[in-house]
Amino acid sequence: KDKEANEIATATVLSLPMCMPSLSSGVVSAPCSQAVASLLGRFAENGSLCRCNGQILERSVMLKTLQIDAEVLFQLAAHTLSNTDVPSCISDFGFEVCQMETYRGKGVCMKWNFAKLENAIYEDWGEIA
């Protein structure tokens, strides 16, 4: 389960560059939808996303700082994916569009804080950067 949670966290981080504009605007881009389907889809399909969902934020300082996990990305992209691609454990409460200079985090709109984000990235990858 730990290995799966780490893999899901990694796939979530890899999806972020394609999904950050969509998290800010609420408009799902094709690259974001494709990233969610291709990088996270197998975890939804094999059930590990639902088994590990509560543990993903703990696997990455960056994800925890941003309050973004695979659930947030699936909620964002849900209407662009087929129903069978969205895991049953993902709550479907719609995706709220946030105000300027904010993005959709886990259940709330959050203000960008690039200083915190920079520190979080360094904590996650400082030794390899």
N, C-alpha and C. Protein backbone atom coordinates (compact mmCIF):
# COMPACT_ATOMS: atom_id res chain seq x y z
N LYS A 1 0.83 -1.20 0.00
CA LYS A 1 0.00 0.00 0.00
C LYS A 1 0.87 1.26 0.00
N ASP A 2 1.99 1.23 0.73
CA ASP A 2 2.89 2.38 0.75
C ASP A 2 3.47 2.64 -0.63
N LYS A 3 3.87 1.56 -1.31
CA LYS A 3 4.45 1.71 -2.65
C LYS A 3 3.41 2.30 -3.61
N GLU A 4 2.18 1.81 -3.53
CA GLU A 4 1.11 2.34 -4.38
C GLU A 4 0.87 3.81 -4.10
N ALA A 5 0.81 4.19 -2.81
CA ALA A 5 0.58 5.59 -2.45
C ALA A 5 1.71 6.47 -2.98
N ASN A 6 2.94 6.00 -2.90
CA ASN A 6 4.08 6.76 -3.44
C ASN A 6 3.96 6.91 -4.95
N GLU A 7 3.56 5.85 -5.64
CA GLU A 7 3.41 5.91 -7.10
C GLU A 7 2.28 6.86 -7.50
N ILE A 8 1.19 6.85 -6.75
CA ILE A 8 0.07 7.77 -7.04
C ILE A 8 0.51 9.20 -6.81
N ALA A 9 1.24 9.44 -5.72
CA ALA A 9 1.74 10.79 -5.45
C ALA A 9 2.66 11.26 -6.57
N THR A 10 3.54 10.37 -7.03
CA THR A 10 4.44 10.72 -8.14
C THR A 10 3.66 11.04 -9.39
N ALA A 11 2.67 10.22 -9.72
CA ALA A 11 1.84 10.47 -10.91
C ALA A 11 1.06 11.77 -10.78
N THR A 12 0.63 12.09 -9.56
CA THR A 12 -0.08 13.35 -9.33
C THR A 12 0.85 14.54 -9.58
N VAL A 13 2.07 14.45 -9.03
CA VAL A 13 3.05 15.53 -9.24
C VAL A 13 3.37 15.68 -10.73
N LEU A 14 3.51 14.56 -11.44
CA LEU A 14 3.81 14.63 -12.87
C LEU A 14 2.65 15.21 -13.67
N SER A 15 1.43 15.09 -13.17
CA SER A 15 0.26 15.65 -13.85
C SER A 15 0.13 17.16 -13.64
N LEU A 16 0.71 17.67 -12.58
CA LEU A 16 0.53 19.08 -12.23
C LEU A 16 0.91 20.07 -13.32
N PRO A 17 2.04 19.92 -14.00
CA PRO A 17 2.37 20.93 -15.02
C PRO A 17 1.29 21.06 -16.09
N MET A 18 0.62 19.95 -16.41
CA MET A 18 -0.44 20.00 -17.42
C MET A 18 -1.76 20.51 -16.84
N CYS A 19 -1.92 20.42 -15.53
CA CYS A 19 -3.22 20.74 -14.92
C CYS A 19 -3.26 22.06 -14.15
N MET A 20 -2.12 22.66 -13.85
CA MET A 20 -2.15 23.90 -13.07
C MET A 20 -2.98 25.00 -13.72
N PRO A 21 -2.85 25.24 -15.03
CA PRO A 21 -3.72 26.27 -15.61
C PRO A 21 -5.20 25.93 -15.44
N SER A 22 -5.54 24.65 -15.55
CA SER A 22 -6.94 24.23 -15.40
C SER A 22 -7.41 24.38 -13.97
N LEU A 23 -6.53 24.13 -13.00
CA LEU A 23 -6.89 24.30 -11.59
C LEU A 23 -7.19 25.76 -11.28
N SER A 24 -6.52 26.67 -11.98
CA SER A 24 -6.77 28.09 -11.78
C SER A 24 -8.03 28.56 -12.50
N SER A 25 -8.22 28.09 -13.73
CA SER A 25 -9.32 28.61 -14.54
C SER A 25 -10.60 27.80 -14.42
N GLY A 26 -10.50 26.54 -14.03
CA GLY A 26 -11.67 25.68 -14.00
C GLY A 26 -12.02 25.10 -15.36
N VAL A 27 -11.28 25.50 -16.39
CA VAL A 27 -11.50 24.99 -17.74
C VAL A 27 -10.46 23.91 -17.99
N VAL A 28 -10.94 22.70 -18.20
CA VAL A 28 -10.02 21.57 -18.34
C VAL A 28 -9.41 21.55 -19.73
N SER A 29 -8.09 21.61 -19.78
CA SER A 29 -7.38 21.55 -21.05
C SER A 29 -7.23 20.10 -21.48
N ALA A 30 -7.04 19.90 -22.77
CA ALA A 30 -6.80 18.54 -23.28
C ALA A 30 -5.56 17.92 -22.64
N PRO A 31 -4.44 18.66 -22.50
CA PRO A 31 -3.27 18.06 -21.85
C PRO A 31 -3.55 17.62 -20.41
N CYS A 32 -4.35 18.38 -19.67
CA CYS A 32 -4.68 17.99 -18.30
C CYS A 32 -5.53 16.72 -18.29
N SER A 33 -6.54 16.69 -19.11
CA SER A 33 -7.40 15.50 -19.19
C SER A 33 -6.59 14.27 -19.58
N GLN A 34 -5.70 14.44 -20.53
CA GLN A 34 -4.85 13.33 -20.97
C GLN A 34 -3.89 12.90 -19.87
N ALA A 35 -3.34 13.85 -19.12
CA ALA A 35 -2.42 13.52 -18.03
C ALA A 35 -3.15 12.72 -16.94
N VAL A 36 -4.35 13.16 -16.58
CA VAL A 36 -5.11 12.45 -15.55
C VAL A 36 -5.41 11.03 -16.03
N ALA A 37 -5.87 10.92 -17.28
CA ALA A 37 -6.22 9.60 -17.80
C ALA A 37 -5.00 8.69 -17.93
N SER A 38 -3.90 9.23 -18.45
CA SER A 38 -2.75 8.36 -18.71
C SER A 38 -1.87 8.12 -17.48
N LEU A 39 -1.68 9.14 -16.64
CA LEU A 39 -0.79 8.99 -15.49
C LEU A 39 -1.50 8.43 -14.26
N LEU A 40 -2.79 8.75 -14.11
CA LEU A 40 -3.52 8.32 -12.91
C LEU A 40 -4.57 7.26 -13.21
N GLY A 41 -4.91 7.08 -14.46
CA GLY A 41 -5.99 6.17 -14.83
C GLY A 41 -5.79 4.74 -14.37
N ARG A 42 -4.58 4.24 -14.45
CA ARG A 42 -4.35 2.84 -14.05
C ARG A 42 -4.58 2.64 -12.56
N PHE A 43 -4.33 3.67 -11.75
CA PHE A 43 -4.58 3.57 -10.31
C PHE A 43 -6.07 3.59 -10.00
N ALA A 44 -6.83 4.29 -10.83
CA ALA A 44 -8.28 4.27 -10.69
C ALA A 44 -8.82 2.91 -11.10
N GLU A 45 -8.29 2.40 -12.19
CA GLU A 45 -8.74 1.12 -12.74
C GLU A 45 -8.47 -0.05 -11.80
N ASN A 46 -7.29 -0.09 -11.20
CA ASN A 46 -6.96 -1.23 -10.34
C ASN A 46 -7.40 -1.06 -8.89
N GLY A 47 -8.04 0.06 -8.56
CA GLY A 47 -8.59 0.27 -7.23
C GLY A 47 -7.64 0.86 -6.22
N SER A 48 -6.37 1.01 -6.57
CA SER A 48 -5.41 1.52 -5.59
C SER A 48 -5.66 2.98 -5.25
N LEU A 49 -6.22 3.74 -6.17
CA LEU A 49 -6.50 5.15 -5.87
C LEU A 49 -7.48 5.26 -4.71
N CYS A 50 -8.52 4.44 -4.71
CA CYS A 50 -9.49 4.46 -3.61
C CYS A 50 -8.88 3.90 -2.33
N ARG A 51 -8.05 2.88 -2.43
CA ARG A 51 -7.42 2.31 -1.23
C ARG A 51 -6.45 3.28 -0.57
N CYS A 52 -5.79 4.10 -1.36
CA CYS A 52 -4.71 4.96 -0.85
C CYS A 52 -5.11 6.43 -0.76
N ASN A 53 -6.33 6.77 -1.10
CA ASN A 53 -6.70 8.16 -1.27
C ASN A 53 -6.34 9.06 -0.10
N GLY A 54 -6.55 8.64 1.12
CA GLY A 54 -6.25 9.49 2.26
C GLY A 54 -4.77 9.65 2.57
N GLN A 55 -3.92 8.91 1.89
CA GLN A 55 -2.49 8.92 2.20
C GLN A 55 -1.64 9.72 1.21
N ILE A 56 -2.22 10.17 0.13
CA ILE A 56 -1.45 10.77 -0.95
C ILE A 56 -0.77 12.07 -0.53
N LEU A 57 -1.49 12.95 0.16
CA LEU A 57 -0.91 14.24 0.54
C LEU A 57 0.31 14.06 1.44
N GLU A 58 0.33 13.00 2.21
CA GLU A 58 1.44 12.76 3.14
C GLU A 58 2.71 12.31 2.42
N ARG A 59 2.62 11.96 1.15
CA ARG A 59 3.76 11.44 0.40
C ARG A 59 4.61 12.53 -0.23
N SER A 60 4.11 13.75 -0.27
CA SER A 60 4.83 14.83 -0.93
C SER A 60 4.57 16.14 -0.20
N VAL A 61 5.64 16.83 0.17
CA VAL A 61 5.50 18.13 0.81
C VAL A 61 4.83 19.10 -0.16
N MET A 62 5.16 18.99 -1.44
CA MET A 62 4.57 19.88 -2.43
C MET A 62 3.06 19.67 -2.53
N LEU A 63 2.63 18.41 -2.62
CA LEU A 63 1.19 18.14 -2.71
C LEU A 63 0.48 18.60 -1.44
N LYS A 64 1.09 18.37 -0.30
CA LYS A 64 0.49 18.79 0.97
C LYS A 64 0.38 20.31 1.04
N THR A 65 1.43 21.00 0.61
CA THR A 65 1.42 22.47 0.61
C THR A 65 0.33 23.00 -0.31
N LEU A 66 0.23 22.41 -1.50
CA LEU A 66 -0.78 22.84 -2.46
C LEU A 66 -2.18 22.34 -2.12
N GLN A 67 -2.28 21.29 -1.29
CA GLN A 67 -3.55 20.63 -1.00
C GLN A 67 -4.20 20.12 -2.28
N ILE A 68 -3.36 19.48 -3.10
CA ILE A 68 -3.82 18.87 -4.35
C ILE A 68 -3.41 17.40 -4.31
N ASP A 69 -4.38 16.55 -4.57
CA ASP A 69 -4.08 15.12 -4.69
C ASP A 69 -4.80 14.59 -5.93
N ALA A 70 -4.72 13.30 -6.13
CA ALA A 70 -5.34 12.70 -7.32
C ALA A 70 -6.85 12.94 -7.34
N GLU A 71 -7.47 12.98 -6.18
CA GLU A 71 -8.91 13.23 -6.13
C GLU A 71 -9.25 14.59 -6.72
N VAL A 72 -8.48 15.61 -6.37
CA VAL A 72 -8.71 16.95 -6.92
C VAL A 72 -8.60 16.93 -8.44
N LEU A 73 -7.58 16.24 -8.96
CA LEU A 73 -7.39 16.20 -10.42
C LEU A 73 -8.51 15.42 -11.10
N PHE A 74 -8.97 14.34 -10.49
CA PHE A 74 -10.10 13.60 -11.06
C PHE A 74 -11.38 14.43 -11.02
N GLN A 75 -11.61 15.17 -9.94
CA GLN A 75 -12.79 16.03 -9.87
C GLN A 75 -12.74 17.10 -10.96
N LEU A 76 -11.55 17.64 -11.18
CA LEU A 76 -11.37 18.64 -12.22
C LEU A 76 -11.68 18.07 -13.59
N ALA A 77 -11.14 16.91 -13.89
CA ALA A 77 -11.22 16.34 -15.24
C ALA A 77 -12.42 15.41 -15.44
N ALA A 78 -13.22 15.19 -14.41
CA ALA A 78 -14.28 14.18 -14.46
C ALA A 78 -15.19 14.31 -15.67
N HIS A 79 -15.59 15.53 -16.00
CA HIS A 79 -16.55 15.67 -17.10
C HIS A 79 -15.90 15.44 -18.48
N THR A 80 -14.57 15.34 -18.52
CA THR A 80 -13.91 15.06 -19.80
C THR A 80 -13.55 13.58 -19.93
N LEU A 81 -13.75 12.81 -18.86
CA LEU A 81 -13.43 11.39 -18.86
C LEU A 81 -14.71 10.58 -18.95
N SER A 82 -14.61 9.34 -19.37
CA SER A 82 -15.80 8.49 -19.36
C SER A 82 -16.12 8.11 -17.92
N ASN A 83 -17.37 7.79 -17.65
CA ASN A 83 -17.79 7.44 -16.29
C ASN A 83 -16.99 6.27 -15.73
N THR A 84 -16.58 5.37 -16.59
CA THR A 84 -15.82 4.21 -16.11
C THR A 84 -14.40 4.58 -15.72
N ASP A 85 -13.91 5.73 -16.16
CA ASP A 85 -12.56 6.16 -15.82
C ASP A 85 -12.46 6.88 -14.48
N VAL A 86 -13.59 7.33 -13.95
CA VAL A 86 -13.58 8.06 -12.68
C VAL A 86 -13.87 7.07 -11.55
N PRO A 87 -12.95 6.95 -10.59
CA PRO A 87 -13.13 5.96 -9.52
C PRO A 87 -14.37 6.25 -8.68
N SER A 88 -14.97 5.22 -8.16
CA SER A 88 -16.20 5.35 -7.37
C SER A 88 -15.99 6.12 -6.08
N CYS A 89 -14.77 6.15 -5.57
CA CYS A 89 -14.51 6.84 -4.30
C CYS A 89 -14.36 8.35 -4.48
N ILE A 90 -14.34 8.83 -5.69
CA ILE A 90 -14.18 10.27 -5.94
C ILE A 90 -15.54 10.93 -5.78
N SER A 91 -15.63 11.85 -4.82
CA SER A 91 -16.89 12.55 -4.61
C SER A 91 -17.13 13.51 -5.77
N ASP A 92 -18.36 13.54 -6.21
CA ASP A 92 -18.70 14.39 -7.35
C ASP A 92 -19.53 15.56 -6.84
N PHE A 93 -18.83 16.59 -6.33
CA PHE A 93 -19.56 17.76 -5.87
C PHE A 93 -19.36 18.93 -6.81
N GLY A 94 -18.92 18.66 -8.02
CA GLY A 94 -18.68 19.73 -8.97
C GLY A 94 -17.34 20.39 -8.71
N PHE A 95 -16.92 21.17 -9.65
CA PHE A 95 -15.62 21.81 -9.52
C PHE A 95 -15.83 23.31 -9.50
N GLU A 96 -15.59 23.91 -8.36
CA GLU A 96 -15.78 25.34 -8.18
C GLU A 96 -14.66 26.11 -8.88
N VAL A 97 -15.03 27.12 -9.63
CA VAL A 97 -14.04 27.98 -10.27
C VAL A 97 -13.60 29.01 -9.24
N CYS A 98 -12.31 29.20 -9.10
CA CYS A 98 -11.77 30.10 -8.10
C CYS A 98 -11.51 31.49 -8.68
N GLN A 99 -11.30 32.44 -7.80
CA GLN A 99 -11.03 33.82 -8.19
C GLN A 99 -9.62 33.95 -8.77
N MET A 100 -9.34 35.09 -9.35
CA MET A 100 -8.00 35.37 -9.88
C MET A 100 -6.95 35.13 -8.81
N GLU A 101 -5.80 34.65 -9.24
CA GLU A 101 -4.64 34.41 -8.37
C GLU A 101 -4.89 33.34 -7.31
N THR A 102 -5.88 32.49 -7.57
CA THR A 102 -6.13 31.35 -6.70
C THR A 102 -6.28 30.10 -7.57
N TYR A 103 -6.31 28.95 -6.91
CA TYR A 103 -6.48 27.69 -7.62
C TYR A 103 -7.33 26.77 -6.75
N ARG A 104 -7.81 25.72 -7.35
CA ARG A 104 -8.65 24.77 -6.63
C ARG A 104 -7.78 23.75 -5.92
N GLY A 105 -7.83 23.75 -4.60
CA GLY A 105 -7.15 22.75 -3.80
C GLY A 105 -8.15 21.71 -3.32
N LYS A 106 -7.84 21.04 -2.27
CA LYS A 106 -8.70 19.98 -1.73
C LYS A 106 -9.90 20.60 -1.04
N GLY A 107 -10.98 20.80 -1.78
CA GLY A 107 -12.23 21.30 -1.23
C GLY A 107 -12.34 22.81 -1.10
N VAL A 108 -11.28 23.53 -1.38
CA VAL A 108 -11.32 25.00 -1.22
C VAL A 108 -10.48 25.68 -2.29
N CYS A 109 -10.77 26.97 -2.49
CA CYS A 109 -9.90 27.77 -3.34
C CYS A 109 -8.75 28.27 -2.47
N MET A 110 -7.56 28.21 -3.02
CA MET A 110 -6.37 28.58 -2.27
C MET A 110 -5.58 29.64 -3.04
N LYS A 111 -4.98 30.54 -2.30
CA LYS A 111 -4.15 31.59 -2.90
C LYS A 111 -2.77 31.03 -3.20
N TRP A 112 -2.25 31.35 -4.37
CA TRP A 112 -0.90 30.92 -4.71
C TRP A 112 0.08 31.52 -3.71
N ASN A 113 0.98 30.71 -3.20
CA ASN A 113 2.04 31.18 -2.32
C ASN A 113 3.34 30.55 -2.84
N PHE A 114 4.01 31.30 -3.72
CA PHE A 114 5.17 30.74 -4.40
C PHE A 114 6.36 30.53 -3.48
N ALA A 115 6.48 31.30 -2.42
CA ALA A 115 7.58 31.09 -1.46
C ALA A 115 7.40 29.74 -0.77
N LYS A 116 6.17 29.44 -0.31
CA LYS A 116 5.91 28.14 0.31
C LYS A 116 6.10 27.01 -0.69
N LEU A 117 5.66 27.24 -1.91
CA LEU A 117 5.78 26.21 -2.95
C LEU A 117 7.25 25.93 -3.25
N GLU A 118 8.05 26.97 -3.34
CA GLU A 118 9.48 26.79 -3.60
C GLU A 118 10.13 25.96 -2.49
N ASN A 119 9.80 26.28 -1.24
CA ASN A 119 10.34 25.51 -0.12
C ASN A 119 9.88 24.05 -0.17
N ALA A 120 8.62 23.83 -0.53
CA ALA A 120 8.08 22.47 -0.60
C ALA A 120 8.76 21.67 -1.69
N ILE A 121 8.98 22.29 -2.83
CA ILE A 121 9.68 21.60 -3.93
C ILE A 121 11.08 21.24 -3.47
N TYR A 122 11.75 22.14 -2.82
CA TYR A 122 13.11 21.86 -2.34
C TYR A 122 13.10 20.72 -1.33
N GLU A 123 12.11 20.70 -0.43
CA GLU A 123 12.03 19.60 0.56
C GLU A 123 11.82 18.26 -0.12
N ASP A 124 10.99 18.25 -1.17
CA ASP A 124 10.73 17.00 -1.89
C ASP A 124 11.93 16.56 -2.72
N TRP A 125 12.55 17.52 -3.42
CA TRP A 125 13.56 17.15 -4.41
C TRP A 125 14.90 17.86 -4.25
N GLY A 126 15.11 18.55 -3.15
CA GLY A 126 16.33 19.32 -2.97
C GLY A 126 17.60 18.52 -3.14
N GLU A 127 17.58 17.29 -2.67
CA GLU A 127 18.80 16.48 -2.76
C GLU A 127 19.10 16.01 -4.18
N ILE A 128 18.10 16.05 -5.08
CA ILE A 128 18.37 15.62 -6.47
C ILE A 128 18.38 16.78 -7.44
N ALA A 129 17.95 17.97 -6.97
CA ALA A 129 17.87 19.12 -7.86
C ALA A 129 19.24 19.74 -8.08
